[in-house]
C-alpha atoms as a PDB file:
ATOM      1  CA  MET A   1      15.571   7.767 -15.864  1.00  0.00           C
ATOM      2  CA  GLU A   2      13.983   9.251 -12.778  1.00  0.00           C
ATOM      3  CA  ALA A   3      15.641   8.477  -9.457  1.00  0.00           C
ATOM      4  CA  LEU A   4      14.132   8.565  -5.993  1.00  0.00           C
ATOM      5  CA  LYS A   5      16.026   9.726  -2.955  1.00  0.00           C
ATOM      6  CA  VAL A   6      16.092   7.239  -0.108  1.00  0.00           C
ATOM      7  CA  PHE A   7      15.744   8.740   3.373  1.00  0.00           C
ATOM      8  CA  ASP A   8      16.762   6.211   6.033  1.00  0.00           C
ATOM      9  CA  THR A   9      14.532   6.833   9.057  1.00  0.00           C
ATOM     10  CA  TRP A  10      14.883   5.692  12.672  1.00  0.00           C
ATOM     11  CA  VAL A  11      12.290   6.955  15.155  1.00  0.00           C
ATOM     12  CA  GLU A  12      12.245   6.172  18.874  1.00  0.00           C
ATOM     13  CA  VAL A  13       8.693   5.591  20.101  1.00  0.00           C
ATOM     14  CA  PRO A  14       7.577   4.262  23.501  1.00  0.00           C
ATOM     15  CA  GLY A  15       8.962   0.754  23.879  1.00  0.00           C
ATOM     16  CA  LYS A  16      10.533   0.349  20.440  1.00  0.00           C
ATOM     17  CA  THR A  17      12.237   1.858  17.417  1.00  0.00           C
ATOM     18  CA  LEU A  18      10.496   2.331  14.084  1.00  0.00           C
ATOM     19  CA  HIS A  19      12.826   1.845  11.103  1.00  0.00           C
ATOM     20  CA  PHE A  20      11.711   2.610   7.568  1.00  0.00           C
ATOM     21  CA  ASP A  21      12.867   4.204   4.342  1.00  0.00           C
ATOM     22  CA  VAL A  22      11.035   7.107   2.763  1.00  0.00           C
ATOM     23  CA  MET A  23      11.323   7.092  -1.026  1.00  0.00           C
ATOM     24  CA  THR A  24      10.695  10.526  -2.499  1.00  0.00           C
ATOM     25  CA  ALA A  25      12.220  13.442  -4.402  1.00  0.00           C
ATOM     26  CA  ASP A  26      13.078  15.888  -1.582  1.00  0.00           C
ATOM     27  CA  GLN A  27      13.556  16.199   2.161  1.00  0.00           C
ATOM     28  CA  ALA A  28      10.419  18.270   2.821  1.00  0.00           C
ATOM     29  CA  THR A  29       8.248  15.540   1.315  1.00  0.00           C
ATOM     30  CA  ALA A  30      10.264  12.864   3.151  1.00  0.00           C
ATOM     31  CA  LEU A  31       9.551  14.557   6.484  1.00  0.00           C
ATOM     32  CA  ARG A  32       5.841  14.953   5.666  1.00  0.00           C
ATOM     33  CA  LEU A  33       5.510  11.298   4.686  1.00  0.00           C
ATOM     34  CA  ALA A  34       7.562  10.116   7.689  1.00  0.00           C
ATOM     35  CA  ASN A  35       5.382  12.082  10.097  1.00  0.00           C
ATOM     36  CA  GLU A  36       2.202  10.768   8.437  1.00  0.00           C
ATOM     37  CA  HIS A  37       3.554   7.212   8.717  1.00  0.00           C
ATOM     38  CA  VAL A  38       4.480   7.565  12.401  1.00  0.00           C
ATOM     39  CA  ALA A  39       1.069   9.123  13.182  1.00  0.00           C
ATOM     40  CA  ALA A  40      -0.650   6.253  11.340  1.00  0.00           C
ATOM     41  CA  GLN A  41       1.188   3.865  13.681  1.00  0.00           C
ATOM     42  CA  GLY A  42      -0.557   5.600  16.602  1.00  0.00           C
ATOM     43  CA  TYR A  43       2.275   7.931  17.650  1.00  0.00           C
ATOM     44  CA  THR A  44       0.597  11.255  16.889  1.00  0.00           C
ATOM     45  CA  THR A  45       2.623  13.228  19.459  1.00  0.00           C
ATOM     46  CA  ILE A  46       6.007  12.300  17.950  1.00  0.00           C
ATOM     47  CA  THR A  47       7.537  14.596  15.332  1.00  0.00           C
ATOM     48  CA  VAL A  48      10.085  13.220  12.877  1.00  0.00           C
ATOM     49  CA  THR A  49      12.900  15.662  12.095  1.00  0.00           C
ATOM     50  CA  SER A  50      15.879  15.662   9.746  1.00  0.00           C
ATOM     51  CA  GLU A  51      17.867  14.092  12.609  1.00  0.00           C
ATOM     52  CA  GLU A  52      15.812  10.878  12.323  1.00  0.00           C
ATOM     53  CA  CYS A  53      15.090  11.040   8.584  1.00  0.00           C
ATOM     54  CA  ARG A  54      18.349  11.344   6.643  1.00  0.00           C
ATOM     55  CA  PHE A  55      19.177  11.164   2.953  1.00  0.00           C
ATOM     56  CA  CYS A  56      21.064   7.940   2.277  1.00  0.00           C
ATOM     57  CA  HIS A  57      21.278   7.331  -1.479  1.00  0.00           C
ATOM     58  CA  GLN A  58      19.234   7.261  -4.701  1.00  0.00           C
ATOM     59  CA  GLU A  59      17.479   4.420  -6.513  1.00  0.00           C
ATOM     60  CA  PRO A  60      15.939   4.397 -10.009  1.00  0.00           C
ATOM     61  CA  LEU A  61      12.139   4.594  -9.946  1.00  0.00           C
ATOM     62  CA  VAL A  62      11.945   1.595 -12.289  1.00  0.00           C
ATOM     63  CA  MET A  63      13.293  -0.640  -9.477  1.00  0.00           C
ATOM     64  CA  PHE A  64      10.030  -0.348  -7.571  1.00  0.00           C
ATOM     65  CA  THR A  65       6.695  -2.094  -8.015  1.00  0.00           C
ATOM     66  CA  GLU A  66       3.887  -0.608 -10.046  1.00  0.00           C
ATOM     67  CA  GLN A  67       1.960   0.002  -6.813  1.00  0.00           C
ATOM     68  CA  GLN A  68       4.923   1.888  -5.323  1.00  0.00           C
ATOM     69  CA  ARG A  69       5.383   3.950  -8.503  1.00  0.00           C
ATOM     70  CA  ASN A  70       1.673   4.831  -8.437  1.00  0.00           C
ATOM     71  CA  GLU A  71       1.937   5.845  -4.778  1.00  0.00           C
ATOM     72  CA  PHE A  72       4.893   8.072  -5.685  1.00  0.00           C
ATOM     73  CA  LEU A  73       2.833   9.759  -8.415  1.00  0.00           C
ATOM     74  CA  LYS A  74      -0.190  10.148  -6.102  1.00  0.00           C
ATOM     75  CA  SER A  75       1.486  11.154  -2.819  1.00  0.00           C
ATOM     76  CA  GLY A  76       4.982  12.244  -3.792  1.00  0.00           C
ATOM     77  CA  GLY A  77       6.611   9.202  -2.245  1.00  0.00           C
ATOM     78  CA  PHE A  78       6.120   6.016  -0.285  1.00  0.00           C
ATOM     79  CA  ILE A  79       7.311   4.160   2.792  1.00  0.00           C
ATOM     80  CA  VAL A  80       9.299   0.924   2.841  1.00  0.00           C
ATOM     81  CA  PRO A  81       9.064  -0.631   6.347  1.00  0.00           C
ATOM     82  CA  LEU A  82      12.301  -2.203   7.647  1.00  0.00           C
ATOM     83  CA  SER A  83      13.151  -4.192  10.743  1.00  0.00           C
ATOM     84  CA  ALA A  84      14.695  -2.250  13.583  1.00  0.00           C
END
């Protein structure tokens, strides 16, 4: 059974904190996806590093929705937004 690594991510942006998990197979992909996500929120000048995006634990891929599994296959991972 394939497992995804969960990277717990907290990013300070002007006026608030973004909190989300990146579900992927490795840290390089987690950082790429985290930076894409933050840029998509309008914060293109902020760079997410391994200080903000840290490995937390693993979860089996089967736990996620079909849409999330497809996103993993297409993009190498996906974002799960969380409340800050």
